[in-house]
Amino acid sequence: MKLWLLERTNEVGYDEYDAVVVRARSEVEARSIVQNARYYQGAWASDENVKCTQLTAKGTAEIILGSFNAG
């Protein structure tokens, strides 16, 4: 399994998720998991609105995701 960071690239409103981390075998599976999840419908269904990046443990110490978009 791999970790995938999926980020919305279109406009995000209040009380919406703008990013999510998913454990999946592939990018296709990661996108499918998010598109079929109850809380991530709508804009998440379009591959054009979502950037998908495989995460690795390599690199410098840094924050990977800090997502705050309260309404």
N, C-alpha and C. Protein backbone atom coordinates (compact mmCIF):
# COMPACT_ATOMS: atom_id res chain seq x y z
N MET A 1 0.84 -1.19 0.00
CA MET A 1 0.00 0.00 0.00
C MET A 1 0.88 1.25 0.00
N LYS A 2 0.33 2.31 -0.56
CA LYS A 2 1.02 3.60 -0.62
C LYS A 2 0.11 4.67 -0.04
N LEU A 3 0.71 5.80 0.33
CA LEU A 3 -0.07 6.95 0.80
C LEU A 3 -0.17 7.97 -0.32
N TRP A 4 -1.36 8.54 -0.47
CA TRP A 4 -1.64 9.51 -1.52
C TRP A 4 -2.25 10.76 -0.92
N LEU A 5 -1.74 11.92 -1.33
CA LEU A 5 -2.30 13.20 -0.93
C LEU A 5 -3.15 13.70 -2.10
N LEU A 6 -4.44 13.88 -1.86
CA LEU A 6 -5.34 14.42 -2.87
C LEU A 6 -5.77 15.81 -2.43
N GLU A 7 -5.59 16.80 -3.33
CA GLU A 7 -5.89 18.19 -3.02
C GLU A 7 -6.81 18.77 -4.08
N ARG A 8 -7.83 19.47 -3.64
CA ARG A 8 -8.71 20.16 -4.57
C ARG A 8 -7.95 21.30 -5.24
N THR A 9 -8.14 21.48 -6.52
CA THR A 9 -7.48 22.56 -7.25
C THR A 9 -8.47 23.65 -7.68
N ASN A 10 -9.75 23.39 -7.46
CA ASN A 10 -10.76 24.40 -7.78
C ASN A 10 -11.13 25.16 -6.51
N GLU A 11 -12.05 26.09 -6.61
CA GLU A 11 -12.44 26.89 -5.46
C GLU A 11 -13.14 26.01 -4.42
N VAL A 12 -12.76 26.21 -3.17
CA VAL A 12 -13.34 25.44 -2.06
C VAL A 12 -14.12 26.40 -1.17
N GLY A 13 -15.35 26.04 -0.88
CA GLY A 13 -16.19 26.87 -0.03
C GLY A 13 -16.06 26.50 1.44
N TYR A 14 -16.86 27.17 2.26
CA TYR A 14 -16.88 26.87 3.68
C TYR A 14 -17.42 25.47 3.92
N ASP A 15 -16.94 24.86 4.96
CA ASP A 15 -17.39 23.53 5.39
C ASP A 15 -17.21 22.47 4.31
N GLU A 16 -16.16 22.60 3.52
CA GLU A 16 -15.80 21.60 2.52
C GLU A 16 -14.38 21.13 2.78
N TYR A 17 -14.09 19.90 2.43
CA TYR A 17 -12.74 19.39 2.52
C TYR A 17 -11.94 19.89 1.33
N ASP A 18 -10.70 20.29 1.57
CA ASP A 18 -9.86 20.73 0.46
C ASP A 18 -8.69 19.78 0.22
N ALA A 19 -8.47 18.83 1.12
CA ALA A 19 -7.40 17.85 0.96
C ALA A 19 -7.69 16.62 1.80
N VAL A 20 -7.12 15.50 1.38
CA VAL A 20 -7.31 14.25 2.10
C VAL A 20 -6.11 13.34 1.81
N VAL A 21 -5.73 12.52 2.79
CA VAL A 21 -4.67 11.53 2.61
C VAL A 21 -5.33 10.16 2.61
N VAL A 22 -4.96 9.33 1.62
CA VAL A 22 -5.60 8.03 1.42
C VAL A 22 -4.53 6.94 1.32
N ARG A 23 -4.80 5.78 1.89
CA ARG A 23 -3.94 4.62 1.71
C ARG A 23 -4.57 3.76 0.62
N ALA A 24 -3.80 3.50 -0.47
CA ALA A 24 -4.31 2.72 -1.59
C ALA A 24 -3.14 2.14 -2.38
N ARG A 25 -3.44 1.18 -3.23
CA ARG A 25 -2.40 0.55 -4.04
C ARG A 25 -1.93 1.43 -5.19
N SER A 26 -2.83 2.29 -5.71
CA SER A 26 -2.51 3.10 -6.89
C SER A 26 -3.24 4.43 -6.82
N GLU A 27 -2.85 5.35 -7.70
CA GLU A 27 -3.54 6.64 -7.79
C GLU A 27 -5.00 6.42 -8.20
N VAL A 28 -5.23 5.52 -9.12
CA VAL A 28 -6.59 5.24 -9.57
C VAL A 28 -7.45 4.77 -8.40
N GLU A 29 -6.91 3.86 -7.59
CA GLU A 29 -7.67 3.37 -6.43
C GLU A 29 -7.88 4.49 -5.41
N ALA A 30 -6.87 5.32 -5.19
CA ALA A 30 -7.00 6.43 -4.24
C ALA A 30 -8.11 7.38 -4.66
N ARG A 31 -8.13 7.74 -5.94
CA ARG A 31 -9.17 8.62 -6.45
C ARG A 31 -10.55 7.97 -6.31
N SER A 32 -10.63 6.69 -6.58
CA SER A 32 -11.90 5.97 -6.48
C SER A 32 -12.42 5.95 -5.05
N ILE A 33 -11.53 5.73 -4.10
CA ILE A 33 -11.92 5.70 -2.69
C ILE A 33 -12.53 7.05 -2.29
N VAL A 34 -11.88 8.14 -2.69
CA VAL A 34 -12.38 9.47 -2.33
C VAL A 34 -13.69 9.77 -3.05
N GLN A 35 -13.76 9.44 -4.32
CA GLN A 35 -14.98 9.72 -5.10
C GLN A 35 -16.19 8.96 -4.56
N ASN A 36 -15.96 7.81 -3.97
CA ASN A 36 -17.05 6.99 -3.45
C ASN A 36 -17.33 7.19 -1.97
N ALA A 37 -16.49 7.97 -1.29
CA ALA A 37 -16.68 8.21 0.14
C ALA A 37 -17.83 9.18 0.36
N ARG A 38 -18.54 8.97 1.42
CA ARG A 38 -19.74 9.75 1.74
C ARG A 38 -19.47 11.25 1.87
N TYR A 39 -18.38 11.64 2.51
CA TYR A 39 -18.13 13.05 2.80
C TYR A 39 -17.36 13.78 1.71
N TYR A 40 -16.91 13.10 0.69
CA TYR A 40 -16.05 13.73 -0.32
C TYR A 40 -16.69 13.74 -1.70
N GLN A 41 -17.99 13.84 -1.78
CA GLN A 41 -18.65 13.85 -3.08
C GLN A 41 -18.62 15.24 -3.69
N GLY A 42 -19.20 15.41 -4.84
CA GLY A 42 -19.23 16.71 -5.48
C GLY A 42 -17.99 16.92 -6.32
N ALA A 43 -17.25 17.98 -6.04
CA ALA A 43 -16.07 18.34 -6.84
C ALA A 43 -15.00 17.25 -6.82
N TRP A 44 -14.99 16.40 -5.80
CA TRP A 44 -14.00 15.34 -5.72
C TRP A 44 -14.17 14.29 -6.82
N ALA A 45 -15.35 14.24 -7.45
CA ALA A 45 -15.61 13.23 -8.48
C ALA A 45 -14.91 13.56 -9.79
N SER A 46 -14.45 14.78 -9.95
CA SER A 46 -13.79 15.19 -11.19
C SER A 46 -12.28 15.14 -11.04
N ASP A 47 -11.62 14.34 -11.87
CA ASP A 47 -10.16 14.28 -11.83
C ASP A 47 -9.53 15.63 -12.16
N GLU A 48 -10.25 16.48 -12.90
CA GLU A 48 -9.73 17.80 -13.26
C GLU A 48 -9.61 18.72 -12.05
N ASN A 49 -10.41 18.48 -11.01
CA ASN A 49 -10.42 19.33 -9.82
C ASN A 49 -9.57 18.81 -8.68
N VAL A 50 -8.87 17.69 -8.89
CA VAL A 50 -8.13 17.07 -7.80
C VAL A 50 -6.72 16.70 -8.25
N LYS A 51 -5.74 17.22 -7.51
CA LYS A 51 -4.34 16.86 -7.75
C LYS A 51 -4.00 15.70 -6.83
N CYS A 52 -3.34 14.67 -7.36
CA CYS A 52 -3.01 13.48 -6.58
C CYS A 52 -1.50 13.28 -6.59
N THR A 53 -0.91 13.21 -5.40
CA THR A 53 0.54 13.08 -5.25
C THR A 53 0.85 11.92 -4.33
N GLN A 54 1.75 11.03 -4.75
CA GLN A 54 2.16 9.94 -3.89
C GLN A 54 3.11 10.48 -2.83
N LEU A 55 2.86 10.15 -1.58
CA LEU A 55 3.72 10.58 -0.48
C LEU A 55 4.80 9.54 -0.22
N THR A 56 5.97 10.00 0.13
CA THR A 56 7.06 9.11 0.52
C THR A 56 7.65 9.60 1.83
N ALA A 57 8.44 8.77 2.46
CA ALA A 57 9.08 9.15 3.72
C ALA A 57 10.37 9.94 3.47
N LYS A 58 10.80 10.00 2.23
CA LYS A 58 12.03 10.72 1.90
C LYS A 58 11.80 12.22 1.93
N GLY A 59 12.86 12.96 2.24
CA GLY A 59 12.78 14.42 2.23
C GLY A 59 13.06 15.00 3.59
N THR A 60 12.94 16.32 3.65
CA THR A 60 13.22 17.04 4.89
C THR A 60 12.02 16.96 5.82
N ALA A 61 12.25 17.23 7.10
CA ALA A 61 11.17 17.27 8.07
C ALA A 61 10.29 18.47 7.76
N GLU A 62 9.00 18.22 7.59
CA GLU A 62 8.08 19.30 7.24
C GLU A 62 6.65 18.86 7.52
N ILE A 63 5.75 19.82 7.55
CA ILE A 63 4.32 19.52 7.66
C ILE A 63 3.85 19.08 6.29
N ILE A 64 3.15 17.96 6.22
CA ILE A 64 2.64 17.46 4.95
C ILE A 64 1.25 18.02 4.67
N LEU A 65 0.39 18.07 5.68
CA LEU A 65 -0.97 18.55 5.46
C LEU A 65 -1.47 19.27 6.71
N GLY A 66 -1.88 20.49 6.52
CA GLY A 66 -2.56 21.26 7.55
C GLY A 66 -3.76 21.90 6.86
N SER A 67 -4.92 21.31 6.97
CA SER A 67 -6.08 21.72 6.19
C SER A 67 -7.14 22.33 7.10
N PHE A 68 -7.39 23.63 6.93
CA PHE A 68 -8.37 24.33 7.76
C PHE A 68 -9.26 25.19 6.87
N ASN A 69 -10.54 24.88 6.82
CA ASN A 69 -11.47 25.61 5.98
C ASN A 69 -12.85 25.63 6.65
N ALA A 70 -12.90 26.15 7.86
CA ALA A 70 -14.14 26.15 8.63
C ALA A 70 -15.12 27.20 8.13
N GLY A 71 -16.37 27.01 8.44
CA GLY A 71 -17.41 27.94 7.97
C GLY A 71 -17.97 28.79 9.02
